[in-house]
Amino acid sequence: MAASNEQEHMISTIYRIDGVSSDDDVLKLRLAVSSYDEQVGGVSFERHDDGSTLMIIKHKDDVTLNEENIRRLVTSSGEFTLYRNDS
């Protein structure tokens, strides 16, 4: 089979989540959002000293994540609130 010259480019979509207070919360969220579908390449979290948490979702650049599905997965995991991080 001939190799393709097309490269898959990964990008990150970042959300802020309120209500994350423990490593257990992060684990619950990671498990839920990773189940979104095969288009999610990875999910990571950054917890900051000010109490804020960023969720970074890696996916192909030609994939548009359904924010309502992401929100449903987040809120079904606990008392969390999801915001798009546009900064």
Protein backbone atom coordinates (compact mmCIF):
# COMPACT_ATOMS: atom_id res chain seq x y z
CA MET A 1 0.00 0.00 0.00
CA ALA A 2 1.37 3.43 -0.92
CA ALA A 3 2.05 5.89 1.89
CA SER A 4 -0.16 8.96 2.01
CA ASN A 5 1.40 12.41 1.85
CA GLU A 6 -1.48 13.74 3.93
CA GLN A 7 -0.67 14.23 7.59
CA GLU A 8 -3.26 14.16 10.31
CA HIS A 9 -3.04 17.31 12.40
CA MET A 10 -4.17 17.26 16.00
CA ILE A 11 -5.55 20.33 17.74
CA SER A 12 -6.77 21.04 21.25
CA THR A 13 -10.13 22.34 22.38
CA ILE A 14 -9.96 23.75 25.90
CA TYR A 15 -12.77 24.01 28.43
CA ARG A 16 -12.83 25.38 31.98
CA ILE A 17 -14.63 23.28 34.55
CA ASP A 18 -15.85 24.54 37.92
CA GLY A 19 -16.41 22.16 40.81
CA VAL A 20 -13.33 19.95 40.44
CA SER A 21 -11.84 19.49 43.90
CA SER A 22 -9.95 16.19 43.88
CA ASP A 23 -7.99 13.71 41.82
CA ASP A 24 -11.06 11.45 41.98
CA ASP A 25 -13.07 14.19 40.23
CA VAL A 26 -10.44 14.36 37.49
CA LEU A 27 -10.55 10.58 37.07
CA LYS A 28 -14.36 10.56 36.78
CA LEU A 29 -14.24 13.33 34.19
CA ARG A 30 -11.42 11.70 32.21
CA LEU A 31 -13.31 8.39 32.02
CA ALA A 32 -16.56 10.09 30.97
CA VAL A 33 -15.12 12.40 28.32
CA SER A 34 -12.77 9.75 26.92
CA SER A 35 -15.88 7.72 26.16
CA TYR A 36 -17.19 10.56 23.92
CA ASP A 37 -16.17 8.65 20.80
CA GLU A 38 -13.14 7.54 18.83
CA GLN A 39 -12.63 11.07 17.50
CA VAL A 40 -11.21 12.17 20.86
CA GLY A 41 -7.48 11.51 20.76
CA GLY A 42 -6.87 12.29 24.42
CA VAL A 43 -8.10 14.22 27.44
CA SER A 44 -5.88 15.97 29.96
CA PHE A 45 -6.50 18.26 32.89
CA GLU A 46 -4.68 21.16 34.52
CA ARG A 47 -5.66 22.02 38.07
CA HIS A 48 -4.53 25.49 39.14
CA ASP A 49 -3.86 26.95 42.58
CA ASP A 50 -6.77 29.38 42.18
CA GLY A 51 -9.21 26.42 42.05
CA SER A 52 -9.79 26.52 38.32
CA THR A 53 -9.43 23.41 36.17
CA LEU A 54 -8.79 23.26 32.45
CA MET A 55 -9.81 20.24 30.39
CA ILE A 56 -7.83 19.86 27.16
CA ILE A 57 -9.35 17.59 24.52
CA LYS A 58 -7.07 16.55 21.64
CA HIS A 59 -8.70 15.71 18.33
CA LYS A 60 -8.08 15.86 14.60
CA ASP A 61 -8.31 19.33 13.10
CA ASP A 62 -11.17 18.29 10.83
CA VAL A 63 -13.33 17.16 13.79
CA THR A 64 -15.82 19.50 15.43
CA LEU A 65 -16.70 18.40 18.94
CA ASN A 66 -20.35 18.57 19.94
CA GLU A 67 -20.21 20.87 22.97
CA GLU A 68 -23.62 19.76 24.23
CA ASN A 69 -22.47 16.14 24.29
CA ILE A 70 -19.32 17.16 26.17
CA ARG A 71 -21.43 19.20 28.62
CA ARG A 72 -23.77 16.24 29.20
CA LEU A 73 -20.83 13.92 29.93
CA VAL A 74 -19.28 16.45 32.33
CA THR A 75 -22.47 17.19 34.26
CA SER A 76 -23.37 13.49 34.48
CA SER A 77 -20.04 12.92 36.26
CA GLY A 78 -20.77 15.20 39.21
CA GLU A 79 -21.55 18.73 40.32
CA PHE A 80 -19.47 20.31 37.57
CA THR A 81 -20.04 23.31 35.31
CA LEU A 82 -18.44 23.48 31.86
CA TYR A 83 -17.34 26.69 30.11
CA ARG A 84 -15.63 27.11 26.74
CA ASN A 85 -12.18 28.58 27.36
CA ASP A 86 -11.93 31.17 24.59
CA SER A 87 -8.96 33.05 26.03
